[in-house]
Amino acid sequence: MIGDVSPPVASIPEFEGNAEVRKQKNLLPPLSVVASHFGTSGLSVALATGVTHPLDVLKVRLQMQHVGHKGPLIGMTGIFVQLMKKEGPRSLYLGLTPALTRSVLYGGLRLGLYEPTKVSFDWAFGSTNVLVKIASGAIAGAFSTALTNPVEVVKVRLQMNPNAVPIAEVREIVSKEGVGALWKGVGPAMVRAAALTASQLATYDETKRILVERTSLEEGIHLHLCSSVVAGVVSTMITAPMDMIKTRLMLQGDSESSKIYRNGFHCGFKVVHKEGPLALYKGGFAIFARLGPQTMITFVLCEKLRSLAGLHKM
């Protein structure tokens, strides 16, 4: 939770004789607590992103193989070797600046909004069961992505172009394709983020609860690691196809002649029809290789940072 967040309570009038005494309760926790809550979330995601970013570059390159037709796929090792030969070690960190920027903003928001959303549901419906956790994660993820999609578009473009500069890339996108191009793929991205956050946070939250209740594990790194591993596996299986569709939409040109996909559903249909169902999981191993460790690093770091900041455990 965000510090000691409790459901909003309006002013409660109390009468002593003819005098009315009003007791006020803060609707929001102190600003310092809110800053710590979102700050620890953003920092933990940014650090995890910095460690796993090369795998994200490989994932994007894997997803962009044989666009529009079938063909033998090069594995993650082959893509890695190609990058090293043609573009050098620096290519593994293409798009790192927007990736870290997005991590602080998007990561901080999606992790940070999960608890307040869950508390709001608890206040409104008197429950924090697994369905509430899933809904809370979906809302937090979708809202966060809608706000930060432009940074994701720039990051993906940079990962495919070793010579691009972030600010110059933004200017080129806006001048050639319009401001709306910065929200390319926002629909699938919101669906993916909703699914990712719901599956990742709800699974982590629920796994922690089950392990505490049914095993000898207590709050600590072992509990956090076990819970985050389960969360990483579940979230990868659910979001890999959405990640593929999002990447394809963000990288396609804006002119009618270069447009291959009209929307997310059309993209998914064409990928399955022309490249086969398994094409939806292109880069799937790279996604897990990145998302698994990133999930573990994020949750373990976030729990530790929250503890240091005097906040409750997630």
C-alpha atoms as a PDB file:
ATOM      1  CA  MET A   1       0.000   0.000   0.000  1.00  0.00           C
ATOM      2  CA  ILE A   2       0.939   3.647  -0.152  1.00  0.00           C
ATOM      3  CA  GLY A   3       2.034   4.069   3.427  1.00  0.00           C
ATOM      4  CA  ASP A   4      -1.034   3.640   5.592  1.00  0.00           C
ATOM      5  CA  VAL A   5      -3.623   4.147   2.894  1.00  0.00           C
ATOM      6  CA  SER A   6      -7.150   3.723   4.133  1.00  0.00           C
ATOM      7  CA  PRO A   7     -10.400   4.216   2.222  1.00  0.00           C
ATOM      8  CA  PRO A   8     -11.513   7.824   1.814  1.00  0.00           C
ATOM      9  CA  VAL A   9     -13.594   9.011   4.733  1.00  0.00           C
ATOM     10  CA  ALA A  10     -15.545  12.236   4.642  1.00  0.00           C
ATOM     11  CA  SER A  11     -15.840  14.653   7.540  1.00  0.00           C
ATOM     12  CA  ILE A  12     -17.781  12.968  10.360  1.00  0.00           C
ATOM     13  CA  PRO A  13     -19.947  15.295  12.445  1.00  0.00           C
ATOM     14  CA  GLU A  14     -20.097  14.624  16.202  1.00  0.00           C
ATOM     15  CA  PHE A  15     -22.397  16.490  18.563  1.00  0.00           C
ATOM     16  CA  GLU A  16     -21.577  17.426  22.145  1.00  0.00           C
ATOM     17  CA  GLY A  17     -24.560  19.291  23.535  1.00  0.00           C
ATOM     18  CA  ASN A  18     -25.267  22.038  21.010  1.00  0.00           C
ATOM     19  CA  ALA A  19     -21.696  22.131  19.671  1.00  0.00           C
ATOM     20  CA  GLU A  20     -20.733  20.338  16.531  1.00  0.00           C
ATOM     21  CA  VAL A  21     -17.230  18.905  16.379  1.00  0.00           C
ATOM     22  CA  ARG A  22     -15.928  17.771  13.059  1.00  0.00           C
ATOM     23  CA  LYS A  23     -13.121  15.287  12.779  1.00  0.00           C
ATOM     24  CA  GLN A  24     -11.248  15.468   9.514  1.00  0.00           C
ATOM     25  CA  LYS A  25      -9.429  12.557   7.972  1.00  0.00           C
ATOM     26  CA  ASN A  26      -6.986  13.067   5.152  1.00  0.00           C
ATOM     27  CA  LEU A  27      -8.253  11.720   1.870  1.00  0.00           C
ATOM     28  CA  LEU A  28      -4.670  11.250   0.664  1.00  0.00           C
ATOM     29  CA  PRO A  29      -1.444  10.242   2.395  1.00  0.00           C
ATOM     30  CA  PRO A  30       1.307  12.867   2.790  1.00  0.00           C
ATOM     31  CA  LEU A  31       3.032  14.008  -0.407  1.00  0.00           C
ATOM     32  CA  SER A  32       6.351  12.573   0.803  1.00  0.00           C
ATOM     33  CA  VAL A  33       4.774   9.115   1.121  1.00  0.00           C
ATOM     34  CA  VAL A  34       3.204   9.360  -2.349  1.00  0.00           C
ATOM     35  CA  ALA A  35       6.572  10.450  -3.807  1.00  0.00           C
ATOM     36  CA  SER A  36       8.335   7.545  -2.084  1.00  0.00           C
ATOM     37  CA  HIS A  37       5.709   5.109  -3.319  1.00  0.00           C
ATOM     38  CA  PHE A  38       5.935   6.083  -6.990  1.00  0.00           C
ATOM     39  CA  GLY A  39       9.674   6.781  -6.769  1.00  0.00           C
ATOM     40  CA  THR A  40      10.550   3.311  -5.458  1.00  0.00           C
ATOM     41  CA  SER A  41       8.354   1.743  -8.149  1.00  0.00           C
ATOM     42  CA  GLY A  42       9.931   3.739 -10.976  1.00  0.00           C
ATOM     43  CA  LEU A  43      13.493   3.249  -9.736  1.00  0.00           C
ATOM     44  CA  SER A  44      13.136  -0.508  -9.355  1.00  0.00           C
ATOM     45  CA  VAL A  45      11.713  -0.872 -12.889  1.00  0.00           C
ATOM     46  CA  ALA A  46      14.436   1.400 -14.350  1.00  0.00           C
ATOM     47  CA  LEU A  47      17.242  -0.613 -12.725  1.00  0.00           C
ATOM     48  CA  ALA A  48      15.722  -3.877 -13.933  1.00  0.00           C
ATOM     49  CA  THR A  49      15.353  -2.404 -17.443  1.00  0.00           C
ATOM     50  CA  GLY A  50      18.984  -1.322 -17.514  1.00  0.00           C
ATOM     51  CA  VAL A  51      20.103  -4.878 -16.750  1.00  0.00           C
ATOM     52  CA  THR A  52      17.790  -6.604 -19.253  1.00  0.00           C
ATOM     53  CA  HIS A  53      17.749  -4.037 -22.096  1.00  0.00           C
ATOM     54  CA  PRO A  54      20.010  -6.057 -24.475  1.00  0.00           C
ATOM     55  CA  LEU A  55      17.428  -8.848 -24.375  1.00  0.00           C
ATOM     56  CA  ASP A  56      14.737  -6.338 -25.317  1.00  0.00           C
ATOM     57  CA  VAL A  57      16.764  -5.305 -28.396  1.00  0.00           C
ATOM     58  CA  LEU A  58      17.132  -8.970 -29.403  1.00  0.00           C
ATOM     59  CA  LYS A  59      13.400  -9.510 -28.860  1.00  0.00           C
ATOM     60  CA  VAL A  60      12.466  -6.642 -31.208  1.00  0.00           C
ATOM     61  CA  ARG A  61      14.875  -7.891 -33.903  1.00  0.00           C
ATOM     62  CA  LEU A  62      13.436 -11.405 -33.576  1.00  0.00           C
ATOM     63  CA  GLN A  63       9.868 -10.126 -33.902  1.00  0.00           C
ATOM     64  CA  MET A  64      10.672  -8.235 -37.104  1.00  0.00           C
ATOM     65  CA  GLN A  65      11.945 -11.287 -39.004  1.00  0.00           C
ATOM     66  CA  HIS A  66      10.201 -12.172 -42.286  1.00  0.00           C
ATOM     67  CA  VAL A  67       7.453  -9.589 -41.938  1.00  0.00           C
ATOM     68  CA  GLY A  68       4.541 -10.692 -44.125  1.00  0.00           C
ATOM     69  CA  HIS A  69       5.830 -14.114 -45.169  1.00  0.00           C
ATOM     70  CA  LYS A  70       7.036 -17.431 -43.839  1.00  0.00           C
ATOM     71  CA  GLY A  71      10.682 -18.362 -43.661  1.00  0.00           C
ATOM     72  CA  PRO A  72      13.317 -20.059 -41.519  1.00  0.00           C
ATOM     73  CA  LEU A  73      13.730 -18.090 -38.320  1.00  0.00           C
ATOM     74  CA  ILE A  74      17.078 -17.152 -36.848  1.00  0.00           C
ATOM     75  CA  GLY A  75      17.214 -17.846 -33.130  1.00  0.00           C
ATOM     76  CA  MET A  76      18.233 -15.444 -30.409  1.00  0.00           C
ATOM     77  CA  THR A  77      21.857 -16.616 -30.571  1.00  0.00           C
ATOM     78  CA  GLY A  78      21.958 -16.044 -34.333  1.00  0.00           C
ATOM     79  CA  ILE A  79      20.489 -12.555 -33.981  1.00  0.00           C
ATOM     80  CA  PHE A  80      23.042 -11.801 -31.276  1.00  0.00           C
ATOM     81  CA  VAL A  81      25.929 -12.916 -33.497  1.00  0.00           C
ATOM     82  CA  GLN A  82      24.569 -10.844 -36.414  1.00  0.00           C
ATOM     83  CA  LEU A  83      24.342  -7.743 -34.253  1.00  0.00           C
ATOM     84  CA  MET A  84      27.873  -8.171 -32.934  1.00  0.00           C
ATOM     85  CA  LYS A  85      29.299  -8.592 -36.454  1.00  0.00           C
ATOM     86  CA  LYS A  86      27.333  -5.870 -38.239  1.00  0.00           C
ATOM     87  CA  GLU A  87      26.651  -3.224 -35.606  1.00  0.00           C
ATOM     88  CA  GLY A  88      28.954  -3.969 -32.668  1.00  0.00           C
ATOM     89  CA  PRO A  89      28.330  -4.293 -28.897  1.00  0.00           C
ATOM     90  CA  ARG A  90      26.750  -0.825 -28.667  1.00  0.00           C
ATOM     91  CA  SER A  91      23.782  -2.113 -30.687  1.00  0.00           C
ATOM     92  CA  LEU A  92      22.626  -4.077 -27.643  1.00  0.00           C
ATOM     93  CA  TYR A  93      21.889  -0.766 -25.946  1.00  0.00           C
ATOM     94  CA  LEU A  94      20.042   0.915 -28.807  1.00  0.00           C
ATOM     95  CA  GLY A  95      17.108   2.880 -27.423  1.00  0.00           C
ATOM     96  CA  LEU A  96      18.370   2.702 -23.834  1.00  0.00           C
ATOM     97  CA  THR A  97      17.648   6.371 -23.055  1.00  0.00           C
ATOM     98  CA  PRO A  98      13.930   6.245 -23.966  1.00  0.00           C
ATOM     99  CA  ALA A  99      13.723   2.780 -22.402  1.00  0.00           C
ATOM    100  CA  LEU A 100      14.947   4.117 -19.047  1.00  0.00           C
ATOM    101  CA  THR A 101      12.746   7.205 -19.364  1.00  0.00           C
ATOM    102  CA  ARG A 102       9.747   5.015 -20.048  1.00  0.00           C
ATOM    103  CA  SER A 103      10.680   2.692 -17.188  1.00  0.00           C
ATOM    104  CA  VAL A 104      10.631   5.507 -14.659  1.00  0.00           C
ATOM    105  CA  LEU A 105       7.334   6.908 -15.982  1.00  0.00           C
ATOM    106  CA  TYR A 106       5.469   3.794 -17.086  1.00  0.00           C
ATOM    107  CA  GLY A 107       6.953   1.457 -14.496  1.00  0.00           C
ATOM    108  CA  GLY A 108       6.429   3.910 -11.681  1.00  0.00           C
ATOM    109  CA  LEU A 109       2.828   4.492 -12.714  1.00  0.00           C
ATOM    110  CA  ARG A 110       1.782   0.886 -13.309  1.00  0.00           C
ATOM    111  CA  LEU A 111       3.320  -0.421 -10.095  1.00  0.00           C
ATOM    112  CA  GLY A 112       2.427   2.710  -8.189  1.00  0.00           C
ATOM    113  CA  LEU A 113      -1.232   2.789  -9.251  1.00  0.00           C
ATOM    114  CA  TYR A 114      -1.869  -0.897  -8.511  1.00  0.00           C
ATOM    115  CA  GLU A 115      -2.155  -0.548  -4.741  1.00  0.00           C
ATOM    116  CA  PRO A 116      -4.338   2.604  -4.707  1.00  0.00           C
ATOM    117  CA  THR A 117      -6.633   1.013  -7.315  1.00  0.00           C
ATOM    118  CA  LYS A 118      -6.892  -2.151  -5.233  1.00  0.00           C
ATOM    119  CA  VAL A 119      -7.639  -0.103  -2.102  1.00  0.00           C
ATOM    120  CA  SER A 120     -10.334   1.809  -4.006  1.00  0.00           C
ATOM    121  CA  PHE A 121     -11.964  -1.464  -5.059  1.00  0.00           C
ATOM    122  CA  ASP A 122     -11.773  -2.707  -1.474  1.00  0.00           C
ATOM    123  CA  TRP A 123     -13.451   0.491  -0.262  1.00  0.00           C
ATOM    124  CA  ALA A 124     -16.152   0.312  -2.938  1.00  0.00           C
ATOM    125  CA  PHE A 125     -16.884  -3.425  -2.909  1.00  0.00           C
ATOM    126  CA  GLY A 126     -15.382  -4.654   0.357  1.00  0.00           C
ATOM    127  CA  SER A 127     -13.112  -7.210  -1.322  1.00  0.00           C
ATOM    128  CA  THR A 128      -9.543  -7.708  -2.486  1.00  0.00           C
ATOM    129  CA  ASN A 129      -9.947 -11.160  -4.021  1.00  0.00           C
ATOM    130  CA  VAL A 130      -7.995 -12.328  -7.056  1.00  0.00           C
ATOM    131  CA  LEU A 131     -10.497 -10.814  -9.519  1.00  0.00           C
ATOM    132  CA  VAL A 132     -10.070  -7.418  -7.855  1.00  0.00           C
ATOM    133  CA  LYS A 133      -6.296  -7.798  -8.117  1.00  0.00           C
ATOM    134  CA  ILE A 134      -6.556  -8.640 -11.822  1.00  0.00           C
ATOM    135  CA  ALA A 135      -8.853  -5.664 -12.471  1.00  0.00           C
ATOM    136  CA  SER A 136      -6.567  -3.334 -10.496  1.00  0.00           C
ATOM    137  CA  GLY A 137      -3.535  -4.435 -12.480  1.00  0.00           C
ATOM    138  CA  ALA A 138      -5.359  -4.093 -15.812  1.00  0.00           C
ATOM    139  CA  ILE A 139      -6.499  -0.537 -15.048  1.00  0.00           C
ATOM    140  CA  ALA A 140      -3.058   0.536 -13.805  1.00  0.00           C
ATOM    141  CA  GLY A 141      -1.294  -0.959 -16.837  1.00  0.00           C
ATOM    142  CA  ALA A 142      -3.663   0.409 -19.487  1.00  0.00           C
ATOM    143  CA  PHE A 143      -3.704   3.934 -18.034  1.00  0.00           C
ATOM    144  CA  SER A 144       0.087   4.049 -17.679  1.00  0.00           C
ATOM    145  CA  THR A 145       0.644   2.921 -21.259  1.00  0.00           C
ATOM    146  CA  ALA A 146      -1.810   5.438 -22.701  1.00  0.00           C
ATOM    147  CA  LEU A 147       0.280   8.208 -21.143  1.00  0.00           C
ATOM    148  CA  THR A 148       3.738   6.884 -22.031  1.00  0.00           C
ATOM    149  CA  ASN A 149       3.188   5.294 -25.482  1.00  0.00           C
ATOM    150  CA  PRO A 150       5.228   7.986 -27.356  1.00  0.00           C
ATOM    151  CA  VAL A 151       8.357   7.025 -25.432  1.00  0.00           C
ATOM    152  CA  GLU A 152       7.804   3.366 -26.327  1.00  0.00           C
ATOM    153  CA  VAL A 153       7.406   4.223 -30.039  1.00  0.00           C
ATOM    154  CA  VAL A 154      10.701   6.136 -30.020  1.00  0.00           C
ATOM    155  CA  LYS A 155      12.452   3.311 -28.149  1.00  0.00           C
ATOM    156  CA  VAL A 156      11.337   0.674 -30.669  1.00  0.00           C
ATOM    157  CA  ARG A 157      12.350   2.876 -33.630  1.00  0.00           C
ATOM    158  CA  LEU A 158      15.802   3.420 -32.131  1.00  0.00           C
ATOM    159  CA  GLN A 159      16.260  -0.297 -31.548  1.00  0.00           C
ATOM    160  CA  MET A 160      15.879  -0.876 -35.290  1.00  0.00           C
ATOM    161  CA  ASN A 161      18.101   2.042 -36.329  1.00  0.00           C
ATOM    162  CA  PRO A 162      21.641   2.190 -34.921  1.00  0.00           C
ATOM    163  CA  ASN A 163      22.237   5.704 -36.283  1.00  0.00           C
ATOM    164  CA  ALA A 164      19.135   7.406 -34.882  1.00  0.00           C
ATOM    165  CA  VAL A 165      19.176  10.048 -32.135  1.00  0.00           C
ATOM    166  CA  PRO A 166      16.157  10.236 -29.751  1.00  0.00           C
ATOM    167  CA  ILE A 167      15.228  13.919 -30.226  1.00  0.00           C
ATOM    168  CA  ALA A 168      15.894  13.773 -33.971  1.00  0.00           C
ATOM    169  CA  GLU A 169      13.758  10.625 -34.217  1.00  0.00           C
ATOM    170  CA  VAL A 170      10.860  12.360 -32.462  1.00  0.00           C
ATOM    171  CA  ARG A 171      11.101  15.321 -34.835  1.00  0.00           C
ATOM    172  CA  GLU A 172      11.197  13.050 -37.861  1.00  0.00           C
ATOM    173  CA  ILE A 173       8.186  11.040 -36.699  1.00  0.00           C
ATOM    174  CA  VAL A 174       6.144  14.188 -36.039  1.00  0.00           C
ATOM    175  CA  SER A 175       7.177  15.971 -39.246  1.00  0.00           C
ATOM    176  CA  LYS A 176       6.651  12.994 -41.562  1.00  0.00           C
ATOM    177  CA  GLU A 177       3.810  11.107 -39.894  1.00  0.00           C
ATOM    178  CA  GLY A 178       2.161  13.634 -37.589  1.00  0.00           C
ATOM    179  CA  VAL A 179       1.829  13.797 -33.805  1.00  0.00           C
ATOM    180  CA  GLY A 180      -0.646  10.924 -33.875  1.00  0.00           C
ATOM    181  CA  ALA A 181       2.171   8.596 -34.976  1.00  0.00           C
ATOM    182  CA  LEU A 182       3.569   8.813 -31.445  1.00  0.00           C
ATOM    183  CA  TRP A 183       0.505   6.828 -30.376  1.00  0.00           C
ATOM    184  CA  LYS A 184       0.911   4.146 -33.015  1.00  0.00           C
ATOM    185  CA  GLY A 185       0.026   0.757 -31.608  1.00  0.00           C
ATOM    186  CA  VAL A 186      -1.449   2.328 -28.457  1.00  0.00           C
ATOM    187  CA  GLY A 187      -4.465  -0.008 -28.601  1.00  0.00           C
ATOM    188  CA  PRO A 188      -2.477  -3.270 -28.572  1.00  0.00           C
ATOM    189  CA  ALA A 189       0.036  -1.643 -26.208  1.00  0.00           C
ATOM    190  CA  MET A 190      -2.740  -0.838 -23.724  1.00  0.00           C
ATOM    191  CA  VAL A 191      -4.148  -4.355 -24.027  1.00  0.00           C
ATOM    192  CA  ARG A 192      -0.665  -5.811 -23.548  1.00  0.00           C
ATOM    193  CA  ALA A 193       0.076  -3.541 -20.590  1.00  0.00           C
ATOM    194  CA  ALA A 194      -3.271  -4.339 -18.999  1.00  0.00           C
ATOM    195  CA  ALA A 195      -2.639  -8.061 -19.452  1.00  0.00           C
ATOM    196  CA  LEU A 196       0.995  -7.771 -18.323  1.00  0.00           C
ATOM    197  CA  THR A 197       0.274  -5.728 -15.210  1.00  0.00           C
ATOM    198  CA  ALA A 198      -2.791  -7.769 -14.302  1.00  0.00           C
ATOM    199  CA  SER A 199      -1.008 -11.104 -14.736  1.00  0.00           C
ATOM    200  CA  GLN A 200       2.301  -9.952 -13.258  1.00  0.00           C
ATOM    201  CA  LEU A 201       1.101  -8.045 -10.197  1.00  0.00           C
ATOM    202  CA  ALA A 202      -1.972 -10.149  -9.455  1.00  0.00           C
ATOM    203  CA  THR A 203       0.072 -13.360  -9.790  1.00  0.00           C
ATOM    204  CA  TYR A 204       2.855 -11.983  -7.598  1.00  0.00           C
ATOM    205  CA  ASP A 205       0.363 -10.718  -5.018  1.00  0.00           C
ATOM    206  CA  GLU A 206      -1.682 -13.930  -4.945  1.00  0.00           C
ATOM    207  CA  THR A 207       1.385 -16.225  -5.018  1.00  0.00           C
ATOM    208  CA  LYS A 208       2.831 -14.387  -2.030  1.00  0.00           C
ATOM    209  CA  ARG A 209      -0.431 -14.817  -0.134  1.00  0.00           C
ATOM    210  CA  ILE A 210      -0.651 -18.544  -0.914  1.00  0.00           C
ATOM    211  CA  LEU A 211       3.005 -19.217  -0.059  1.00  0.00           C
ATOM    212  CA  VAL A 212       2.732 -17.375   3.257  1.00  0.00           C
ATOM    213  CA  GLU A 213      -0.441 -19.277   4.149  1.00  0.00           C
ATOM    214  CA  ARG A 214       0.605 -22.762   3.006  1.00  0.00           C
ATOM    215  CA  THR A 215       4.382 -22.882   3.394  1.00  0.00           C
ATOM    216  CA  SER A 216       6.961 -21.864   5.950  1.00  0.00           C
ATOM    217  CA  LEU A 217       8.101 -18.906   3.837  1.00  0.00           C
ATOM    218  CA  GLU A 218       7.857 -15.490   5.450  1.00  0.00           C
ATOM    219  CA  GLU A 219       8.384 -11.933   4.158  1.00  0.00           C
ATOM    220  CA  GLY A 220      11.906 -11.802   2.761  1.00  0.00           C
ATOM    221  CA  ILE A 221      13.988 -12.349  -0.343  1.00  0.00           C
ATOM    222  CA  HIS A 222      13.127 -16.059  -0.703  1.00  0.00           C
ATOM    223  CA  LEU A 223       9.397 -15.344  -0.732  1.00  0.00           C
ATOM    224  CA  HIS A 224       9.879 -12.440  -3.144  1.00  0.00           C
ATOM    225  CA  LEU A 225      12.022 -14.518  -5.510  1.00  0.00           C
ATOM    226  CA  CYS A 226       9.617 -17.473  -5.607  1.00  0.00           C
ATOM    227  CA  SER A 227       6.623 -15.210  -6.182  1.00  0.00           C
ATOM    228  CA  SER A 228       8.372 -13.180  -8.891  1.00  0.00           C
ATOM    229  CA  VAL A 229       9.459 -16.312 -10.811  1.00  0.00           C
ATOM    230  CA  VAL A 230       5.846 -17.503 -10.994  1.00  0.00           C
ATOM    231  CA  ALA A 231       4.725 -14.003 -12.008  1.00  0.00           C
ATOM    232  CA  GLY A 232       7.380 -13.860 -14.758  1.00  0.00           C
ATOM    233  CA  VAL A 233       6.311 -17.185 -16.314  1.00  0.00           C
ATOM    234  CA  VAL A 234       2.590 -16.383 -16.261  1.00  0.00           C
ATOM    235  CA  SER A 235       2.977 -12.853 -17.633  1.00  0.00           C
ATOM    236  CA  THR A 236       5.260 -14.019 -20.478  1.00  0.00           C
ATOM    237  CA  MET A 237       2.812 -16.680 -21.665  1.00  0.00           C
ATOM    238  CA  ILE A 238      -0.070 -14.217 -21.689  1.00  0.00           C
ATOM    239  CA  THR A 239       1.620 -11.174 -23.212  1.00  0.00           C
ATOM    240  CA  ALA A 240       4.051 -12.558 -25.839  1.00  0.00           C
ATOM    241  CA  PRO A 241       1.525 -12.441 -28.752  1.00  0.00           C
ATOM    242  CA  MET A 242       0.400  -8.931 -27.752  1.00  0.00           C
ATOM    243  CA  ASP A 243       4.010  -7.797 -27.605  1.00  0.00           C
ATOM    244  CA  MET A 244       4.607  -9.116 -31.123  1.00  0.00           C
ATOM    245  CA  ILE A 245       1.552  -7.288 -32.519  1.00  0.00           C
ATOM    246  CA  LYS A 246       2.468  -4.057 -30.717  1.00  0.00           C
ATOM    247  CA  THR A 247       6.001  -4.120 -32.149  1.00  0.00           C
ATOM    248  CA  ARG A 248       4.790  -4.756 -35.718  1.00  0.00           C
ATOM    249  CA  LEU A 249       2.309  -1.853 -35.552  1.00  0.00           C
ATOM    250  CA  MET A 250       4.832   0.579 -34.085  1.00  0.00           C
ATOM    251  CA  LEU A 251       7.407  -0.138 -36.776  1.00  0.00           C
ATOM    252  CA  GLN A 252       5.227  -0.064 -39.889  1.00  0.00           C
ATOM    253  CA  GLY A 253       5.253   3.019 -42.097  1.00  0.00           C
ATOM    254  CA  ASP A 254       2.399   5.519 -42.097  1.00  0.00           C
ATOM    255  CA  SER A 255       1.801   5.804 -45.848  1.00  0.00           C
ATOM    256  CA  GLU A 256      -0.919   3.666 -47.425  1.00  0.00           C
ATOM    257  CA  SER A 257       1.628   1.937 -49.642  1.00  0.00           C
ATOM    258  CA  SER A 258       3.774   0.843 -46.684  1.00  0.00           C
ATOM    259  CA  LYS A 259       0.915  -0.057 -44.344  1.00  0.00           C
ATOM    260  CA  ILE A 260       0.611  -3.797 -43.863  1.00  0.00           C
ATOM    261  CA  TYR A 261      -1.729  -3.877 -40.858  1.00  0.00           C
ATOM    262  CA  ARG A 262      -4.868  -1.804 -40.258  1.00  0.00           C
ATOM    263  CA  ASN A 263      -5.120  -2.500 -36.528  1.00  0.00           C
ATOM    264  CA  GLY A 264      -4.158  -4.994 -33.854  1.00  0.00           C
ATOM    265  CA  PHE A 265      -6.743  -7.625 -34.831  1.00  0.00           C
ATOM    266  CA  HIS A 266      -5.792  -7.365 -38.507  1.00  0.00           C
ATOM    267  CA  CYS A 267      -2.123  -7.676 -37.580  1.00  0.00           C
ATOM    268  CA  GLY A 268      -2.744 -10.791 -35.494  1.00  0.00           C
ATOM    269  CA  PHE A 269      -4.841 -12.374 -38.275  1.00  0.00           C
ATOM    270  CA  LYS A 270      -2.258 -11.665 -40.986  1.00  0.00           C
ATOM    271  CA  VAL A 271       0.629 -12.924 -38.854  1.00  0.00           C
ATOM    272  CA  VAL A 272      -1.197 -16.203 -38.152  1.00  0.00           C
ATOM    273  CA  HIS A 273      -2.403 -16.554 -41.783  1.00  0.00           C
ATOM    274  CA  LYS A 274       0.910 -15.792 -43.520  1.00  0.00           C
ATOM    275  CA  GLU A 275       3.524 -16.766 -40.941  1.00  0.00           C
ATOM    276  CA  GLY A 276       1.731 -19.420 -38.904  1.00  0.00           C
ATOM    277  CA  PRO A 277       0.299 -19.425 -35.327  1.00  0.00           C
ATOM    278  CA  LEU A 278       3.708 -19.889 -33.744  1.00  0.00           C
ATOM    279  CA  ALA A 279       4.784 -16.587 -35.299  1.00  0.00           C
ATOM    280  CA  LEU A 280       2.829 -14.866 -32.523  1.00  0.00           C
ATOM    281  CA  TYR A 281       5.530 -16.176 -30.219  1.00  0.00           C
ATOM    282  CA  LYS A 282       8.468 -14.982 -32.307  1.00  0.00           C
ATOM    283  CA  GLY A 283      10.994 -13.758 -29.794  1.00  0.00           C
ATOM    284  CA  GLY A 284       9.058 -15.601 -27.087  1.00  0.00           C
ATOM    285  CA  PHE A 285      12.178 -17.025 -25.483  1.00  0.00           C
ATOM    286  CA  ALA A 286      13.800 -13.599 -25.591  1.00  0.00           C
ATOM    287  CA  ILE A 287      10.666 -12.138 -24.014  1.00  0.00           C
ATOM    288  CA  PHE A 288      10.850 -14.652 -21.162  1.00  0.00           C
ATOM    289  CA  ALA A 289      14.640 -14.319 -20.904  1.00  0.00           C
ATOM    290  CA  ARG A 290      14.068 -10.594 -20.433  1.00  0.00           C
ATOM    291  CA  LEU A 291      10.720 -10.498 -18.608  1.00  0.00           C
ATOM    292  CA  GLY A 292      11.588 -13.303 -16.183  1.00  0.00           C
ATOM    293  CA  PRO A 293      14.740 -11.677 -14.757  1.00  0.00           C
ATOM    294  CA  GLN A 294      13.195  -8.214 -15.063  1.00  0.00           C
ATOM    295  CA  THR A 295      10.186  -9.319 -13.020  1.00  0.00           C
ATOM    296  CA  MET A 296      12.441 -10.835 -10.372  1.00  0.00           C
ATOM    297  CA  ILE A 297      14.752  -7.816 -10.190  1.00  0.00           C
ATOM    298  CA  THR A 298      11.826  -5.383 -10.185  1.00  0.00           C
ATOM    299  CA  PHE A 299       9.895  -7.010  -7.352  1.00  0.00           C
ATOM    300  CA  VAL A 300      12.899  -7.838  -5.168  1.00  0.00           C
ATOM    301  CA  LEU A 301      14.282  -4.301  -5.570  1.00  0.00           C
ATOM    302  CA  CYS A 302      10.878  -2.697  -5.109  1.00  0.00           C
ATOM    303  CA  GLU A 303      10.228  -4.634  -1.902  1.00  0.00           C
ATOM    304  CA  LYS A 304      13.658  -3.646  -0.566  1.00  0.00           C
ATOM    305  CA  LEU A 305      13.311   0.016  -1.554  1.00  0.00           C
ATOM    306  CA  ARG A 306       9.828   0.170  -0.027  1.00  0.00           C
ATOM    307  CA  SER A 307      11.211  -1.287   3.190  1.00  0.00           C
ATOM    308  CA  LEU A 308      14.006   1.297   3.268  1.00  0.00           C
ATOM    309  CA  ALA A 309      11.465   4.069   2.612  1.00  0.00           C
ATOM    310  CA  GLY A 310       9.271   2.883   5.484  1.00  0.00           C
ATOM    311  CA  LEU A 311       6.429   1.715   3.240  1.00  0.00           C
ATOM    312  CA  HIS A 312       4.361  -1.456   3.544  1.00  0.00           C
ATOM    313  CA  LYS A 313       5.295  -4.563   1.576  1.00  0.00           C
ATOM    314  CA  MET A 314       3.569  -4.975  -1.778  1.00  0.00           C
END
